[in-house]
């Protein structure tokens, strides 16, 4: 009998009222059981992400970059374990699953670099019109709000990484299914 794996909800581990058995497509064995959030827990996640959107957007770039670097390092440290889990869970050859883990590590590294590099704005010349001669505009970008992401089964880690890492780099809270 396998234990039920929790999910993360507003910064803490939580479980729902029901679970879902993940089975191997190769032999039908149970790989694990995951907890499914209730409707109320989904609403709680949305409310929590919305509540922190402004504070998270104000998080310094170095803090977001350090968090992304940390995730990349931890994935790298556990690469073989994660690759074997991916393989068991979706039937992907372990060799391909290892490649997926490597790519996810890179995605978090790229996002950390982008968090450090993203300047949040650009200077734009206004002298394209006579009235703008000698003037310069500064355009800035800000996270719009909460990111809601859905990742399919075929690249479970990499497609999650491609949603989570850029959201963190930009300073946007994310809810991922």
C-alpha atoms as a PDB file:
ATOM      1  CA  UNK A   1       0.000   0.000   0.000  1.00  0.00           C
ATOM      2  CA  UNK A   2       1.427   3.375  -0.996  1.00  0.00           C
ATOM      3  CA  UNK A   3       0.974   6.546   0.984  1.00  0.00           C
ATOM      4  CA  UNK A   4      -0.976   9.451  -0.469  1.00  0.00           C
ATOM      5  CA  UNK A   5       1.223  12.310  -1.639  1.00  0.00           C
ATOM      6  CA  UNK A   6       0.158  15.784  -0.569  1.00  0.00           C
ATOM      7  CA  UNK A   7       0.063  18.880  -2.754  1.00  0.00           C
ATOM      8  CA  UNK A   8       1.235  22.397  -1.939  1.00  0.00           C
ATOM      9  CA  UNK A   9      -1.412  24.939  -1.025  1.00  0.00           C
ATOM     10  CA  UNK A  10      -0.469  28.509  -0.149  1.00  0.00           C
ATOM     11  CA  UNK A  11       3.000  27.524   1.049  1.00  0.00           C
ATOM     12  CA  UNK A  12       2.055  24.432   3.035  1.00  0.00           C
ATOM     13  CA  UNK A  13       1.441  20.789   2.286  1.00  0.00           C
ATOM     14  CA  UNK A  14      -2.212  19.783   2.174  1.00  0.00           C
ATOM     15  CA  UNK A  15      -4.400  16.857   1.237  1.00  0.00           C
ATOM     16  CA  UNK A  16      -7.916  16.719  -0.111  1.00  0.00           C
ATOM     17  CA  UNK A  17     -10.724  14.338   0.699  1.00  0.00           C
ATOM     18  CA  UNK A  18      -9.964  11.934  -2.146  1.00  0.00           C
ATOM     19  CA  UNK A  19      -6.934  10.488  -3.873  1.00  0.00           C
ATOM     20  CA  UNK A  20      -5.999   9.286  -7.322  1.00  0.00           C
ATOM     21  CA  UNK A  21      -3.869   6.232  -8.052  1.00  0.00           C
ATOM     22  CA  UNK A  22      -1.150   6.853 -10.626  1.00  0.00           C
ATOM     23  CA  UNK A  23      -0.491   3.611 -12.490  1.00  0.00           C
ATOM     24  CA  UNK A  24       2.313   2.582 -14.792  1.00  0.00           C
ATOM     25  CA  UNK A  25       1.215   2.336 -18.429  1.00  0.00           C
ATOM     26  CA  UNK A  26       3.658  -0.569 -18.829  1.00  0.00           C
ATOM     27  CA  UNK A  27       2.323  -3.013 -16.281  1.00  0.00           C
ATOM     28  CA  UNK A  28      -0.550  -1.328 -14.455  1.00  0.00           C
ATOM     29  CA  UNK A  29       1.224  -1.274 -11.093  1.00  0.00           C
ATOM     30  CA  UNK A  30       0.495   1.626  -8.776  1.00  0.00           C
ATOM     31  CA  UNK A  31       3.328   4.136  -8.882  1.00  0.00           C
ATOM     32  CA  UNK A  32       1.798   6.288  -6.167  1.00  0.00           C
ATOM     33  CA  UNK A  33      -1.360   7.916  -4.932  1.00  0.00           C
ATOM     34  CA  UNK A  34      -1.844  11.648  -5.133  1.00  0.00           C
ATOM     35  CA  UNK A  35      -4.316  13.703  -3.169  1.00  0.00           C
ATOM     36  CA  UNK A  36      -6.865  15.729  -5.101  1.00  0.00           C
ATOM     37  CA  UNK A  37      -7.757  19.198  -3.827  1.00  0.00           C
ATOM     38  CA  UNK A  38     -11.354  19.990  -2.999  1.00  0.00           C
ATOM     39  CA  UNK A  39     -13.189  22.859  -4.687  1.00  0.00           C
ATOM     40  CA  UNK A  40     -12.731  24.875  -1.488  1.00  0.00           C
ATOM     41  CA  UNK A  41      -8.961  24.228  -1.547  1.00  0.00           C
ATOM     42  CA  UNK A  42      -8.761  25.398  -5.166  1.00  0.00           C
ATOM     43  CA  UNK A  43     -10.588  28.584  -4.175  1.00  0.00           C
ATOM     44  CA  UNK A  44      -8.191  28.988  -1.236  1.00  0.00           C
ATOM     45  CA  UNK A  45      -5.213  28.663  -3.588  1.00  0.00           C
ATOM     46  CA  UNK A  46      -6.590  31.311  -5.942  1.00  0.00           C
ATOM     47  CA  UNK A  47      -7.366  33.683  -3.062  1.00  0.00           C
ATOM     48  CA  UNK A  48      -3.919  33.172  -1.497  1.00  0.00           C
ATOM     49  CA  UNK A  49      -2.099  33.780  -4.785  1.00  0.00           C
ATOM     50  CA  UNK A  50      -4.182  36.888  -5.461  1.00  0.00           C
ATOM     51  CA  UNK A  51      -3.525  38.197  -1.944  1.00  0.00           C
ATOM     52  CA  UNK A  52       0.281  38.057  -2.343  1.00  0.00           C
ATOM     53  CA  UNK A  53       0.524  39.287  -5.944  1.00  0.00           C
ATOM     54  CA  UNK A  54       1.693  42.810  -5.086  1.00  0.00           C
ATOM     55  CA  UNK A  55       4.182  41.712  -2.430  1.00  0.00           C
ATOM     56  CA  UNK A  56       5.558  39.014  -4.715  1.00  0.00           C
ATOM     57  CA  UNK A  57       5.913  41.471  -7.601  1.00  0.00           C
ATOM     58  CA  UNK A  58       7.990  43.678  -5.268  1.00  0.00           C
ATOM     59  CA  UNK A  59      10.363  40.825  -4.357  1.00  0.00           C
ATOM     60  CA  UNK A  60      13.917  41.832  -5.331  1.00  0.00           C
ATOM     61  CA  UNK A  61      15.297  40.212  -8.471  1.00  0.00           C
ATOM     62  CA  UNK A  62      18.218  38.688  -6.564  1.00  0.00           C
ATOM     63  CA  UNK A  63      15.785  36.913  -4.219  1.00  0.00           C
ATOM     64  CA  UNK A  64      13.763  35.440  -7.089  1.00  0.00           C
ATOM     65  CA  UNK A  65      16.962  34.459  -8.918  1.00  0.00           C
ATOM     66  CA  UNK A  66      18.370  32.756  -5.819  1.00  0.00           C
ATOM     67  CA  UNK A  67      15.149  30.771  -5.372  1.00  0.00           C
ATOM     68  CA  UNK A  68      15.252  29.654  -9.017  1.00  0.00           C
ATOM     69  CA  UNK A  69      18.930  28.690  -8.706  1.00  0.00           C
ATOM     70  CA  UNK A  70      18.067  26.672  -5.600  1.00  0.00           C
ATOM     71  CA  UNK A  71      15.324  24.732  -7.400  1.00  0.00           C
ATOM     72  CA  UNK A  72      17.671  23.985 -10.295  1.00  0.00           C
ATOM     73  CA  UNK A  73      20.357  22.692  -7.939  1.00  0.00           C
ATOM     74  CA  UNK A  74      17.921  20.501  -6.014  1.00  0.00           C
ATOM     75  CA  UNK A  75      16.526  19.032  -9.237  1.00  0.00           C
ATOM     76  CA  UNK A  76      20.062  18.303 -10.388  1.00  0.00           C
ATOM     77  CA  UNK A  77      20.913  16.615  -7.074  1.00  0.00           C
ATOM     78  CA  UNK A  78      17.871  14.335  -7.365  1.00  0.00           C
ATOM     79  CA  UNK A  79      17.966  13.900 -11.148  1.00  0.00           C
ATOM     80  CA  UNK A  80      18.112  10.098 -11.226  1.00  0.00           C
ATOM     81  CA  UNK A  81      15.338   9.689  -8.661  1.00  0.00           C
ATOM     82  CA  UNK A  82      13.099  12.113 -10.554  1.00  0.00           C
ATOM     83  CA  UNK A  83      13.885  10.534 -13.936  1.00  0.00           C
ATOM     84  CA  UNK A  84      12.913   7.098 -12.641  1.00  0.00           C
ATOM     85  CA  UNK A  85       9.675   8.483 -11.208  1.00  0.00           C
ATOM     86  CA  UNK A  86       8.818  10.143 -14.533  1.00  0.00           C
ATOM     87  CA  UNK A  87       9.531   6.896 -16.350  1.00  0.00           C
ATOM     88  CA  UNK A  88       7.391   4.841 -13.968  1.00  0.00           C
ATOM     89  CA  UNK A  89       4.563   7.360 -14.029  1.00  0.00           C
ATOM     90  CA  UNK A  90       4.187   7.891 -17.776  1.00  0.00           C
ATOM     91  CA  UNK A  91       6.098   5.065 -19.450  1.00  0.00           C
ATOM     92  CA  UNK A  92       8.803   7.271 -20.929  1.00  0.00           C
ATOM     93  CA  UNK A  93      12.184   5.524 -21.353  1.00  0.00           C
ATOM     94  CA  UNK A  94      14.516   6.447 -18.474  1.00  0.00           C
ATOM     95  CA  UNK A  95      17.006   7.867 -20.974  1.00  0.00           C
ATOM     96  CA  UNK A  96      14.397  10.356 -22.191  1.00  0.00           C
ATOM     97  CA  UNK A  97      13.271  11.100 -18.635  1.00  0.00           C
ATOM     98  CA  UNK A  98      16.864  11.958 -17.720  1.00  0.00           C
ATOM     99  CA  UNK A  99      16.889  14.388 -20.635  1.00  0.00           C
ATOM    100  CA  UNK A 100      13.678  15.926 -19.368  1.00  0.00           C
ATOM    101  CA  UNK A 101      15.166  16.465 -15.916  1.00  0.00           C
ATOM    102  CA  UNK A 102      18.268  18.025 -17.462  1.00  0.00           C
ATOM    103  CA  UNK A 103      16.115  20.359 -19.512  1.00  0.00           C
ATOM    104  CA  UNK A 104      14.090  21.373 -16.437  1.00  0.00           C
ATOM    105  CA  UNK A 105      17.329  22.177 -14.588  1.00  0.00           C
ATOM    106  CA  UNK A 106      18.283  24.404 -17.532  1.00  0.00           C
ATOM    107  CA  UNK A 107      14.879  26.116 -17.538  1.00  0.00           C
ATOM    108  CA  UNK A 108      15.296  27.126 -13.894  1.00  0.00           C
ATOM    109  CA  UNK A 109      18.856  28.312 -14.603  1.00  0.00           C
ATOM    110  CA  UNK A 110      17.689  30.357 -17.619  1.00  0.00           C
ATOM    111  CA  UNK A 111      14.856  31.865 -15.577  1.00  0.00           C
ATOM    112  CA  UNK A 112      17.289  32.814 -12.783  1.00  0.00           C
ATOM    113  CA  UNK A 113      19.491  34.548 -15.339  1.00  0.00           C
ATOM    114  CA  UNK A 114      16.472  36.332 -16.793  1.00  0.00           C
ATOM    115  CA  UNK A 115      15.321  37.442 -13.333  1.00  0.00           C
ATOM    116  CA  UNK A 116      18.711  39.093 -12.850  1.00  0.00           C
ATOM    117  CA  UNK A 117      18.765  40.601 -16.340  1.00  0.00           C
ATOM    118  CA  UNK A 118      15.147  41.762 -16.652  1.00  0.00           C
ATOM    119  CA  UNK A 119      15.332  45.508 -16.266  1.00  0.00           C
ATOM    120  CA  UNK A 120      11.607  46.119 -16.180  1.00  0.00           C
ATOM    121  CA  UNK A 121      11.677  48.898 -18.733  1.00  0.00           C
ATOM    122  CA  UNK A 122      13.003  50.433 -21.905  1.00  0.00           C
ATOM    123  CA  UNK A 123      13.878  53.907 -23.025  1.00  0.00           C
ATOM    124  CA  UNK A 124      11.979  55.069 -26.102  1.00  0.00           C
ATOM    125  CA  UNK A 125      12.808  58.059 -28.239  1.00  0.00           C
ATOM    126  CA  UNK A 126      10.001  60.567 -28.601  1.00  0.00           C
ATOM    127  CA  UNK A 127      11.644  62.745 -31.259  1.00  0.00           C
ATOM    128  CA  UNK A 128       9.791  60.966 -34.063  1.00  0.00           C
ATOM    129  CA  UNK A 129       7.436  63.941 -33.776  1.00  0.00           C
ATOM    130  CA  UNK A 130       8.658  67.536 -33.630  1.00  0.00           C
ATOM    131  CA  UNK A 131       6.916  68.057 -30.288  1.00  0.00           C
ATOM    132  CA  UNK A 132       8.972  65.261 -28.745  1.00  0.00           C
ATOM    133  CA  UNK A 133      12.403  66.606 -29.655  1.00  0.00           C
ATOM    134  CA  UNK A 134      14.813  66.189 -26.760  1.00  0.00           C
ATOM    135  CA  UNK A 135      12.394  63.931 -24.889  1.00  0.00           C
ATOM    136  CA  UNK A 136      12.673  60.331 -23.852  1.00  0.00           C
ATOM    137  CA  UNK A 137      10.008  58.010 -22.465  1.00  0.00           C
ATOM    138  CA  UNK A 138      10.644  55.189 -20.061  1.00  0.00           C
ATOM    139  CA  UNK A 139       8.307  52.241 -20.406  1.00  0.00           C
ATOM    140  CA  UNK A 140       8.182  49.758 -17.563  1.00  0.00           C
ATOM    141  CA  UNK A 141       6.757  46.281 -17.256  1.00  0.00           C
ATOM    142  CA  UNK A 142       5.072  44.840 -14.206  1.00  0.00           C
ATOM    143  CA  UNK A 143       3.569  41.439 -13.495  1.00  0.00           C
ATOM    144  CA  UNK A 144      -0.136  41.601 -14.294  1.00  0.00           C
ATOM    145  CA  UNK A 145      -1.273  39.199 -11.603  1.00  0.00           C
ATOM    146  CA  UNK A 146      -1.591  35.521 -10.843  1.00  0.00           C
ATOM    147  CA  UNK A 147      -0.529  32.914 -13.415  1.00  0.00           C
ATOM    148  CA  UNK A 148      -2.817  29.901 -13.777  1.00  0.00           C
ATOM    149  CA  UNK A 149      -1.039  27.018 -15.510  1.00  0.00           C
ATOM    150  CA  UNK A 150      -2.025  23.540 -16.638  1.00  0.00           C
ATOM    151  CA  UNK A 151       0.648  21.007 -17.550  1.00  0.00           C
ATOM    152  CA  UNK A 152      -0.123  17.892 -19.602  1.00  0.00           C
ATOM    153  CA  UNK A 153       1.244  14.436 -18.879  1.00  0.00           C
ATOM    154  CA  UNK A 154       3.815  13.907 -21.636  1.00  0.00           C
ATOM    155  CA  UNK A 155       6.613  16.034 -20.143  1.00  0.00           C
ATOM    156  CA  UNK A 156       5.435  16.343 -16.531  1.00  0.00           C
ATOM    157  CA  UNK A 157       8.490  18.045 -15.072  1.00  0.00           C
ATOM    158  CA  UNK A 158       9.636  20.101 -18.026  1.00  0.00           C
ATOM    159  CA  UNK A 159       6.214  21.539 -18.843  1.00  0.00           C
ATOM    160  CA  UNK A 160       5.740  22.487 -15.193  1.00  0.00           C
ATOM    161  CA  UNK A 161       9.187  24.107 -15.176  1.00  0.00           C
ATOM    162  CA  UNK A 162       8.274  26.126 -18.287  1.00  0.00           C
ATOM    163  CA  UNK A 163       5.355  27.631 -16.375  1.00  0.00           C
ATOM    164  CA  UNK A 164       6.725  27.951 -12.843  1.00  0.00           C
ATOM    165  CA  UNK A 165      10.194  29.326 -13.579  1.00  0.00           C
ATOM    166  CA  UNK A 166       9.167  32.298 -15.779  1.00  0.00           C
ATOM    167  CA  UNK A 167       6.360  33.223 -13.382  1.00  0.00           C
ATOM    168  CA  UNK A 168       8.796  33.348 -10.468  1.00  0.00           C
ATOM    169  CA  UNK A 169      11.371  35.209 -12.547  1.00  0.00           C
ATOM    170  CA  UNK A 170       8.783  37.875 -13.399  1.00  0.00           C
ATOM    171  CA  UNK A 171       7.462  38.109  -9.836  1.00  0.00           C
ATOM    172  CA  UNK A 172       4.041  36.592 -10.483  1.00  0.00           C
ATOM    173  CA  UNK A 173       2.475  34.020  -8.136  1.00  0.00           C
ATOM    174  CA  UNK A 174       1.432  30.825  -9.906  1.00  0.00           C
ATOM    175  CA  UNK A 175      -1.163  28.128  -9.411  1.00  0.00           C
ATOM    176  CA  UNK A 176      -0.364  24.980 -11.353  1.00  0.00           C
ATOM    177  CA  UNK A 177      -2.551  21.995 -12.125  1.00  0.00           C
END
